[in-house]
Amino acid sequence: LLTIDVGNTNTVLGVFDGPKLLDHWRLATDARRTADEYGLWIRQVLQWAGISAEGIKALAVSSVVPPMQFSLEQMSQRYFKVAPLFVGPGVRTGMPILYDNPREVGADRVVNAVAAYEKHHGGLIVVDFGTATTFDAVTPKGEYLGGSICPGVTISMEALFQNAAK
């Protein structure tokens, strides 16, 4: 399974064999990057890691950058011969979302909560330090309660540098 988490600043990729993470990589998110650029880069890092690209039988994408969906879909079909699964509203993750409007919860936050619960099987606060810092609550029964979003560390530092005297 090739997984791709597209964030506003970075895109993180991982390859799983069942529950085992074989390797992972990070690159800058760039919505202008083409399907061929992604496909060739991913195949190169797979080869470098000793992972057969032909062994990729499924591809799942979590993205907060909608313009990248087309390129990733084309890349998946051309370079891996699989239709990608885009996590989003309507995709069953096995985690009930106890939120007023579940469609408003970002795919990144849902997959973080599912992964954290799968690893720890208990009530959790999941914190993701990205472009934004997100806090998400998961019940001991594995239900997503909701959370909050605040500026990430880099955004906060930039604002401080621009607006503080020293």
N, C-alpha and C. Protein backbone atom coordinates (compact mmCIF):
# COMPACT_ATOMS: atom_id res chain seq x y z
N LEU A 1 0.85 -1.18 0.00
CA LEU A 1 0.00 0.00 0.00
C LEU A 1 0.89 1.23 0.00
N LEU A 2 0.71 2.08 -0.99
CA LEU A 2 1.39 3.37 -1.04
C LEU A 2 0.41 4.40 -0.49
N THR A 3 0.84 5.13 0.54
CA THR A 3 -0.01 6.16 1.13
C THR A 3 0.62 7.53 0.86
N ILE A 4 -0.24 8.50 0.59
CA ILE A 4 0.22 9.85 0.30
C ILE A 4 -0.62 10.81 1.14
N ASP A 5 0.05 11.61 1.96
CA ASP A 5 -0.62 12.61 2.79
C ASP A 5 -0.18 13.98 2.28
N VAL A 6 -1.07 14.66 1.57
CA VAL A 6 -0.75 15.95 0.97
C VAL A 6 -1.17 17.05 1.93
N GLY A 7 -0.18 17.73 2.48
CA GLY A 7 -0.43 18.87 3.36
C GLY A 7 -0.15 20.16 2.62
N ASN A 8 -0.44 21.27 3.25
CA ASN A 8 -0.22 22.56 2.61
C ASN A 8 1.25 22.84 2.33
N THR A 9 2.14 22.34 3.19
CA THR A 9 3.57 22.61 3.06
C THR A 9 4.34 21.40 2.56
N ASN A 10 4.05 20.23 3.12
CA ASN A 10 4.76 19.00 2.77
C ASN A 10 3.82 17.90 2.34
N THR A 11 4.33 17.02 1.51
CA THR A 11 3.63 15.80 1.13
C THR A 11 4.47 14.65 1.67
N VAL A 12 3.82 13.77 2.42
CA VAL A 12 4.52 12.64 3.03
C VAL A 12 3.99 11.36 2.41
N LEU A 13 4.92 10.49 2.00
CA LEU A 13 4.56 9.23 1.39
C LEU A 13 5.08 8.09 2.25
N GLY A 14 4.35 7.00 2.28
CA GLY A 14 4.79 5.82 3.01
C GLY A 14 4.36 4.57 2.26
N VAL A 15 5.14 3.50 2.41
CA VAL A 15 4.78 2.22 1.82
C VAL A 15 4.61 1.22 2.95
N PHE A 16 3.46 0.56 2.94
CA PHE A 16 3.13 -0.43 3.95
C PHE A 16 3.03 -1.82 3.33
N ASP A 17 3.50 -2.82 4.07
CA ASP A 17 3.27 -4.22 3.76
C ASP A 17 2.45 -4.73 4.92
N GLY A 18 1.11 -4.78 4.73
CA GLY A 18 0.23 -5.05 5.86
C GLY A 18 0.35 -3.91 6.84
N PRO A 19 0.51 -4.20 8.13
CA PRO A 19 0.63 -3.11 9.12
C PRO A 19 2.04 -2.53 9.23
N LYS A 20 3.00 -3.14 8.54
CA LYS A 20 4.40 -2.73 8.69
C LYS A 20 4.76 -1.62 7.70
N LEU A 21 5.27 -0.50 8.24
CA LEU A 21 5.77 0.60 7.41
C LEU A 21 7.15 0.21 6.90
N LEU A 22 7.28 0.10 5.57
CA LEU A 22 8.57 -0.28 4.98
C LEU A 22 9.51 0.91 4.87
N ASP A 23 8.98 2.06 4.47
CA ASP A 23 9.79 3.27 4.35
C ASP A 23 8.86 4.45 4.14
N HIS A 24 9.40 5.66 4.31
CA HIS A 24 8.60 6.86 4.10
C HIS A 24 9.51 7.99 3.64
N TRP A 25 8.88 8.99 2.98
CA TRP A 25 9.61 10.12 2.41
C TRP A 25 8.76 11.38 2.53
N ARG A 26 9.42 12.53 2.43
CA ARG A 26 8.75 13.83 2.52
C ARG A 26 9.27 14.71 1.38
N LEU A 27 8.38 15.42 0.72
CA LEU A 27 8.78 16.41 -0.27
C LEU A 27 7.87 17.62 -0.15
N ALA A 28 8.33 18.73 -0.68
CA ALA A 28 7.54 19.96 -0.63
C ALA A 28 6.29 19.79 -1.48
N THR A 29 5.17 20.26 -0.95
CA THR A 29 3.93 20.23 -1.71
C THR A 29 3.98 21.33 -2.77
N ASP A 30 3.69 20.94 -3.99
CA ASP A 30 3.66 21.89 -5.10
C ASP A 30 2.54 21.47 -6.04
N ALA A 31 1.45 22.22 -6.01
CA ALA A 31 0.27 21.88 -6.82
C ALA A 31 0.55 21.94 -8.32
N ARG A 32 1.69 22.56 -8.70
CA ARG A 32 2.04 22.65 -10.13
C ARG A 32 2.78 21.41 -10.62
N ARG A 33 3.20 20.55 -9.70
CA ARG A 33 3.93 19.34 -10.07
C ARG A 33 2.98 18.43 -10.86
N THR A 34 3.50 17.85 -11.93
CA THR A 34 2.66 17.02 -12.81
C THR A 34 2.61 15.57 -12.35
N ALA A 35 1.68 14.84 -12.94
CA ALA A 35 1.56 13.41 -12.66
C ALA A 35 2.87 12.69 -12.98
N ASP A 36 3.51 13.06 -14.06
CA ASP A 36 4.77 12.42 -14.43
C ASP A 36 5.87 12.73 -13.43
N GLU A 37 5.94 13.97 -12.95
CA GLU A 37 6.95 14.31 -11.94
C GLU A 37 6.76 13.48 -10.68
N TYR A 38 5.52 13.37 -10.22
CA TYR A 38 5.26 12.55 -9.03
C TYR A 38 5.58 11.09 -9.30
N GLY A 39 5.10 10.57 -10.42
CA GLY A 39 5.30 9.16 -10.73
C GLY A 39 6.76 8.78 -10.83
N LEU A 40 7.53 9.58 -11.54
CA LEU A 40 8.95 9.28 -11.71
C LEU A 40 9.70 9.41 -10.39
N TRP A 41 9.39 10.45 -9.61
CA TRP A 41 10.07 10.64 -8.32
C TRP A 41 9.76 9.48 -7.37
N ILE A 42 8.48 9.11 -7.29
CA ILE A 42 8.10 8.02 -6.39
C ILE A 42 8.74 6.71 -6.81
N ARG A 43 8.74 6.42 -8.10
CA ARG A 43 9.38 5.17 -8.55
C ARG A 43 10.88 5.18 -8.24
N GLN A 44 11.52 6.35 -8.34
CA GLN A 44 12.95 6.43 -8.01
C GLN A 44 13.21 6.16 -6.53
N VAL A 45 12.43 6.76 -5.64
CA VAL A 45 12.67 6.53 -4.21
C VAL A 45 12.32 5.10 -3.82
N LEU A 46 11.33 4.51 -4.48
CA LEU A 46 11.02 3.10 -4.22
C LEU A 46 12.21 2.23 -4.61
N GLN A 47 12.77 2.50 -5.80
CA GLN A 47 13.93 1.73 -6.26
C GLN A 47 15.10 1.91 -5.29
N TRP A 48 15.36 3.13 -4.86
CA TRP A 48 16.43 3.42 -3.93
C TRP A 48 16.25 2.64 -2.62
N ALA A 49 14.97 2.50 -2.19
CA ALA A 49 14.68 1.79 -0.94
C ALA A 49 14.60 0.27 -1.13
N GLY A 50 14.74 -0.19 -2.37
CA GLY A 50 14.66 -1.63 -2.62
C GLY A 50 13.24 -2.17 -2.60
N ILE A 51 12.28 -1.30 -2.89
CA ILE A 51 10.87 -1.69 -2.92
C ILE A 51 10.41 -1.72 -4.37
N SER A 52 9.84 -2.83 -4.78
CA SER A 52 9.38 -2.98 -6.16
C SER A 52 8.13 -2.14 -6.41
N ALA A 53 8.18 -1.29 -7.42
CA ALA A 53 7.00 -0.49 -7.78
C ALA A 53 5.86 -1.40 -8.23
N GLU A 54 6.21 -2.54 -8.80
CA GLU A 54 5.18 -3.49 -9.24
C GLU A 54 4.48 -4.13 -8.05
N GLY A 55 5.09 -4.04 -6.88
CA GLY A 55 4.48 -4.58 -5.66
C GLY A 55 3.41 -3.68 -5.06
N ILE A 56 3.29 -2.46 -5.58
CA ILE A 56 2.26 -1.54 -5.09
C ILE A 56 0.93 -1.99 -5.69
N LYS A 57 0.04 -2.45 -4.82
CA LYS A 57 -1.26 -2.97 -5.27
C LYS A 57 -2.42 -2.05 -4.92
N ALA A 58 -2.15 -1.04 -4.09
CA ALA A 58 -3.19 -0.09 -3.70
C ALA A 58 -2.53 1.24 -3.35
N LEU A 59 -3.31 2.32 -3.49
CA LEU A 59 -2.80 3.65 -3.22
C LEU A 59 -3.90 4.45 -2.54
N ALA A 60 -3.58 5.04 -1.38
CA ALA A 60 -4.55 5.85 -0.64
C ALA A 60 -3.99 7.25 -0.46
N VAL A 61 -4.86 8.25 -0.63
CA VAL A 61 -4.44 9.65 -0.57
C VAL A 61 -5.32 10.40 0.43
N SER A 62 -4.67 11.16 1.30
CA SER A 62 -5.32 12.13 2.16
C SER A 62 -4.77 13.48 1.72
N SER A 63 -5.65 14.41 1.37
CA SER A 63 -5.16 15.68 0.84
C SER A 63 -5.99 16.86 1.33
N VAL A 64 -5.28 17.95 1.66
CA VAL A 64 -5.94 19.21 1.96
C VAL A 64 -5.68 20.22 0.84
N VAL A 65 -5.16 19.71 -0.29
CA VAL A 65 -4.84 20.56 -1.45
C VAL A 65 -5.61 20.01 -2.66
N PRO A 66 -6.89 20.38 -2.80
CA PRO A 66 -7.73 19.82 -3.87
C PRO A 66 -7.14 19.91 -5.28
N PRO A 67 -6.39 20.97 -5.66
CA PRO A 67 -5.87 21.02 -7.02
C PRO A 67 -4.92 19.87 -7.37
N MET A 68 -4.41 19.16 -6.37
CA MET A 68 -3.47 18.07 -6.65
C MET A 68 -4.17 16.76 -6.97
N GLN A 69 -5.46 16.67 -6.76
CA GLN A 69 -6.16 15.41 -6.95
C GLN A 69 -6.01 14.86 -8.36
N PHE A 70 -6.17 15.69 -9.37
CA PHE A 70 -6.09 15.21 -10.74
C PHE A 70 -4.72 14.61 -11.05
N SER A 71 -3.64 15.33 -10.69
CA SER A 71 -2.29 14.83 -10.96
C SER A 71 -2.03 13.52 -10.23
N LEU A 72 -2.47 13.41 -8.98
CA LEU A 72 -2.23 12.18 -8.22
C LEU A 72 -3.04 11.02 -8.76
N GLU A 73 -4.24 11.31 -9.22
CA GLU A 73 -5.07 10.26 -9.83
C GLU A 73 -4.42 9.75 -11.11
N GLN A 74 -3.97 10.67 -11.96
CA GLN A 74 -3.31 10.28 -13.21
C GLN A 74 -2.01 9.52 -12.92
N MET A 75 -1.23 9.99 -11.96
CA MET A 75 0.03 9.34 -11.58
C MET A 75 -0.23 7.92 -11.11
N SER A 76 -1.23 7.74 -10.28
CA SER A 76 -1.54 6.42 -9.73
C SER A 76 -1.88 5.43 -10.84
N GLN A 77 -2.70 5.87 -11.77
CA GLN A 77 -3.12 4.99 -12.85
C GLN A 77 -1.98 4.71 -13.83
N ARG A 78 -1.19 5.72 -14.16
CA ARG A 78 -0.13 5.54 -15.16
C ARG A 78 1.07 4.76 -14.60
N TYR A 79 1.51 5.11 -13.40
CA TYR A 79 2.75 4.55 -12.88
C TYR A 79 2.57 3.34 -11.97
N PHE A 80 1.33 3.11 -11.47
CA PHE A 80 1.11 1.97 -10.58
C PHE A 80 -0.07 1.10 -11.00
N LYS A 81 -0.78 1.53 -12.03
CA LYS A 81 -1.90 0.75 -12.58
C LYS A 81 -2.98 0.45 -11.54
N VAL A 82 -3.20 1.40 -10.63
CA VAL A 82 -4.25 1.25 -9.63
C VAL A 82 -5.06 2.54 -9.55
N ALA A 83 -6.32 2.40 -9.21
CA ALA A 83 -7.16 3.57 -8.97
C ALA A 83 -6.95 3.98 -7.52
N PRO A 84 -6.61 5.24 -7.28
CA PRO A 84 -6.35 5.67 -5.90
C PRO A 84 -7.64 5.84 -5.11
N LEU A 85 -7.53 5.63 -3.80
CA LEU A 85 -8.63 5.92 -2.89
C LEU A 85 -8.32 7.28 -2.26
N PHE A 86 -9.19 8.25 -2.48
CA PHE A 86 -9.04 9.56 -1.87
C PHE A 86 -9.92 9.59 -0.63
N VAL A 87 -9.30 9.73 0.53
CA VAL A 87 -10.06 9.79 1.78
C VAL A 87 -10.78 11.12 1.82
N GLY A 88 -12.06 11.06 2.10
CA GLY A 88 -12.86 12.28 2.17
C GLY A 88 -14.26 11.92 2.58
N PRO A 89 -15.18 12.88 2.51
CA PRO A 89 -16.56 12.62 2.90
C PRO A 89 -17.13 11.41 2.16
N GLY A 90 -17.77 10.53 2.92
CA GLY A 90 -18.39 9.34 2.33
C GLY A 90 -17.50 8.11 2.34
N VAL A 91 -16.20 8.27 2.59
CA VAL A 91 -15.30 7.11 2.66
C VAL A 91 -15.36 6.55 4.07
N ARG A 92 -15.66 5.28 4.17
CA ARG A 92 -15.77 4.63 5.48
C ARG A 92 -14.38 4.29 6.02
N THR A 93 -14.07 4.87 7.16
CA THR A 93 -12.77 4.63 7.79
C THR A 93 -12.87 3.70 8.98
N GLY A 94 -14.10 3.39 9.40
CA GLY A 94 -14.29 2.59 10.60
C GLY A 94 -14.36 3.42 11.86
N MET A 95 -14.20 4.74 11.74
CA MET A 95 -14.27 5.61 12.91
C MET A 95 -15.50 6.51 12.79
N PRO A 96 -16.46 6.36 13.72
CA PRO A 96 -17.60 7.27 13.71
C PRO A 96 -17.13 8.70 13.98
N ILE A 97 -17.68 9.66 13.23
CA ILE A 97 -17.32 11.06 13.40
C ILE A 97 -18.49 11.76 14.09
N LEU A 98 -18.33 12.02 15.39
CA LEU A 98 -19.37 12.63 16.20
C LEU A 98 -19.22 14.16 16.14
N TYR A 99 -19.49 14.70 14.98
CA TYR A 99 -19.30 16.11 14.72
C TYR A 99 -20.57 16.61 14.07
N ASP A 100 -20.94 17.85 14.31
CA ASP A 100 -22.20 18.37 13.77
C ASP A 100 -22.33 18.09 12.27
N ASN A 101 -21.28 18.39 11.52
CA ASN A 101 -21.27 18.12 10.09
C ASN A 101 -19.99 17.36 9.75
N PRO A 102 -20.03 16.01 9.74
CA PRO A 102 -18.82 15.21 9.49
C PRO A 102 -18.10 15.57 8.19
N ARG A 103 -18.81 16.12 7.21
CA ARG A 103 -18.20 16.47 5.93
C ARG A 103 -17.23 17.65 6.07
N GLU A 104 -17.29 18.38 7.17
CA GLU A 104 -16.42 19.52 7.39
C GLU A 104 -15.06 19.14 7.99
N VAL A 105 -14.93 17.88 8.41
CA VAL A 105 -13.67 17.43 9.02
C VAL A 105 -12.69 17.06 7.91
N GLY A 106 -11.52 17.66 7.93
CA GLY A 106 -10.51 17.41 6.90
C GLY A 106 -10.03 15.97 6.90
N ALA A 107 -9.73 15.47 5.72
CA ALA A 107 -9.24 14.10 5.56
C ALA A 107 -7.97 13.88 6.38
N ASP A 108 -7.11 14.89 6.46
CA ASP A 108 -5.87 14.75 7.22
C ASP A 108 -6.15 14.49 8.69
N ARG A 109 -7.15 15.14 9.22
CA ARG A 109 -7.48 14.99 10.63
C ARG A 109 -8.12 13.64 10.89
N VAL A 110 -8.92 13.17 9.96
CA VAL A 110 -9.55 11.85 10.12
C VAL A 110 -8.50 10.75 10.08
N VAL A 111 -7.60 10.79 9.10
CA VAL A 111 -6.60 9.71 9.01
C VAL A 111 -5.64 9.76 10.20
N ASN A 112 -5.31 10.95 10.70
CA ASN A 112 -4.48 11.03 11.90
C ASN A 112 -5.18 10.36 13.08
N ALA A 113 -6.47 10.65 13.25
CA ALA A 113 -7.23 10.07 14.36
C ALA A 113 -7.35 8.55 14.23
N VAL A 114 -7.63 8.08 13.03
CA VAL A 114 -7.75 6.63 12.81
C VAL A 114 -6.42 5.94 13.10
N ALA A 115 -5.33 6.50 12.57
CA ALA A 115 -4.00 5.90 12.78
C ALA A 115 -3.62 5.89 14.25
N ALA A 116 -3.86 6.99 14.95
CA ALA A 116 -3.52 7.06 16.38
C ALA A 116 -4.34 6.05 17.18
N TYR A 117 -5.62 5.94 16.85
CA TYR A 117 -6.47 4.98 17.58
C TYR A 117 -6.04 3.54 17.29
N GLU A 118 -5.72 3.26 16.04
CA GLU A 118 -5.26 1.91 15.68
C GLU A 118 -3.99 1.53 16.44
N LYS A 119 -3.14 2.51 16.67
CA LYS A 119 -1.88 2.24 17.36
C LYS A 119 -2.06 2.11 18.87
N HIS A 120 -2.94 2.93 19.47
CA HIS A 120 -3.02 2.99 20.93
C HIS A 120 -4.31 2.43 21.53
N HIS A 121 -5.38 2.29 20.75
CA HIS A 121 -6.66 1.73 21.21
C HIS A 121 -7.12 2.32 22.54
N GLY A 122 -7.21 3.63 22.60
CA GLY A 122 -7.70 4.29 23.80
C GLY A 122 -8.12 5.71 23.48
N GLY A 123 -8.61 6.40 24.50
CA GLY A 123 -8.96 7.80 24.33
C GLY A 123 -7.70 8.62 24.07
N LEU A 124 -7.78 9.54 23.13
CA LEU A 124 -6.58 10.25 22.69
C LEU A 124 -6.84 11.71 22.39
N ILE A 125 -5.79 12.51 22.53
CA ILE A 125 -5.72 13.83 21.92
C ILE A 125 -4.61 13.70 20.89
N VAL A 126 -4.93 13.92 19.63
CA VAL A 126 -3.97 13.79 18.54
C VAL A 126 -3.53 15.19 18.13
N VAL A 127 -2.23 15.44 18.16
CA VAL A 127 -1.70 16.75 17.81
C VAL A 127 -0.84 16.62 16.56
N ASP A 128 -1.09 17.47 15.58
CA ASP A 128 -0.32 17.47 14.33
C ASP A 128 0.29 18.86 14.17
N PHE A 129 1.63 18.91 14.20
CA PHE A 129 2.34 20.17 14.04
C PHE A 129 2.70 20.34 12.57
N GLY A 130 1.83 20.94 11.79
CA GLY A 130 2.09 21.18 10.38
C GLY A 130 1.99 22.67 10.09
N THR A 131 1.56 23.01 8.89
CA THR A 131 1.34 24.40 8.54
C THR A 131 0.40 25.02 9.58
N ALA A 132 -0.62 24.26 9.94
CA ALA A 132 -1.48 24.59 11.07
C ALA A 132 -1.22 23.53 12.13
N THR A 133 -1.42 23.89 13.38
CA THR A 133 -1.35 22.89 14.45
C THR A 133 -2.78 22.48 14.74
N THR A 134 -3.05 21.18 14.67
CA THR A 134 -4.40 20.68 14.92
C THR A 134 -4.41 19.82 16.17
N PHE A 135 -5.50 19.90 16.90
CA PHE A 135 -5.74 19.09 18.08
C PHE A 135 -7.05 18.36 17.83
N ASP A 136 -7.05 17.04 17.94
CA ASP A 136 -8.26 16.27 17.70
C ASP A 136 -8.48 15.27 18.84
N ALA A 137 -9.73 15.12 19.26
CA ALA A 137 -10.07 14.24 20.36
C ALA A 137 -10.74 12.97 19.84
N VAL A 138 -10.29 11.84 20.38
CA VAL A 138 -10.86 10.54 20.05
C VAL A 138 -11.29 9.87 21.36
N THR A 139 -12.50 9.33 21.39
CA THR A 139 -13.00 8.70 22.61
C THR A 139 -12.33 7.34 22.82
N PRO A 140 -12.43 6.80 24.03
CA PRO A 140 -11.89 5.46 24.28
C PRO A 140 -12.52 4.38 23.39
N LYS A 141 -13.74 4.65 22.87
CA LYS A 141 -14.40 3.70 21.96
C LYS A 141 -14.00 3.90 20.51
N GLY A 142 -13.11 4.87 20.23
CA GLY A 142 -12.65 5.09 18.86
C GLY A 142 -13.56 5.97 18.04
N GLU A 143 -14.19 6.96 18.66
CA GLU A 143 -15.06 7.89 17.97
C GLU A 143 -14.36 9.25 17.89
N TYR A 144 -14.45 9.88 16.74
CA TYR A 144 -13.86 11.21 16.55
C TYR A 144 -14.82 12.24 17.12
N LEU A 145 -14.34 13.02 18.10
CA LEU A 145 -15.19 14.03 18.74
C LEU A 145 -15.12 15.39 18.08
N GLY A 146 -13.96 15.75 17.55
CA GLY A 146 -13.75 17.09 16.99
C GLY A 146 -12.42 17.61 17.48
N GLY A 147 -12.19 18.88 17.28
CA GLY A 147 -10.92 19.43 17.70
C GLY A 147 -10.82 20.90 17.37
N SER A 148 -9.59 21.36 17.31
CA SER A 148 -9.37 22.77 17.00
C SER A 148 -8.14 22.91 16.11
N ILE A 149 -8.08 24.06 15.47
CA ILE A 149 -6.97 24.38 14.56
C ILE A 149 -6.42 25.73 14.99
N CYS A 150 -5.10 25.83 15.02
CA CYS A 150 -4.47 27.13 15.28
C CYS A 150 -3.26 27.26 14.36
N PRO A 151 -2.72 28.45 14.24
CA PRO A 151 -1.57 28.62 13.35
C PRO A 151 -0.42 27.70 13.77
N GLY A 152 0.30 27.20 12.79
CA GLY A 152 1.44 26.35 13.07
C GLY A 152 2.62 27.16 13.58
N VAL A 153 3.66 26.46 13.98
CA VAL A 153 4.84 27.11 14.55
C VAL A 153 5.45 28.11 13.58
N THR A 154 5.64 27.72 12.33
CA THR A 154 6.29 28.62 11.36
C THR A 154 5.44 29.85 11.10
N ILE A 155 4.14 29.67 10.93
CA ILE A 155 3.24 30.81 10.70
C ILE A 155 3.27 31.74 11.92
N SER A 156 3.24 31.16 13.11
CA SER A 156 3.27 31.97 14.33
C SER A 156 4.58 32.75 14.44
N MET A 157 5.70 32.10 14.13
CA MET A 157 6.99 32.79 14.19
C MET A 157 7.07 33.92 13.18
N GLU A 158 6.58 33.69 11.96
CA GLU A 158 6.60 34.74 10.94
C GLU A 158 5.77 35.94 11.39
N ALA A 159 4.60 35.68 11.97
CA ALA A 159 3.75 36.78 12.45
C ALA A 159 4.45 37.53 13.58
N LEU A 160 5.11 36.81 14.45
CA LEU A 160 5.82 37.45 15.56
C LEU A 160 6.97 38.32 15.04
N PHE A 161 7.75 37.80 14.10
CA PHE A 161 8.86 38.56 13.54
C PHE A 161 8.39 39.82 12.84
N GLN A 162 7.24 39.73 12.15
CA GLN A 162 6.74 40.88 11.41
C GLN A 162 6.07 41.92 12.30
N ASN A 163 5.58 41.49 13.44
CA ASN A 163 4.76 42.41 14.25
C ASN A 163 5.35 42.78 15.61
N ALA A 164 6.46 42.19 15.98
CA ALA A 164 7.05 42.51 17.27
C ALA A 164 8.32 43.35 17.06
N ALA A 165 8.57 44.25 18.00
CA ALA A 165 9.73 45.14 17.86
C ALA A 165 11.05 44.39 18.01
N LYS A 166 11.12 43.45 18.90
CA LYS A 166 12.36 42.68 19.11
C LYS A 166 12.06 41.21 19.10
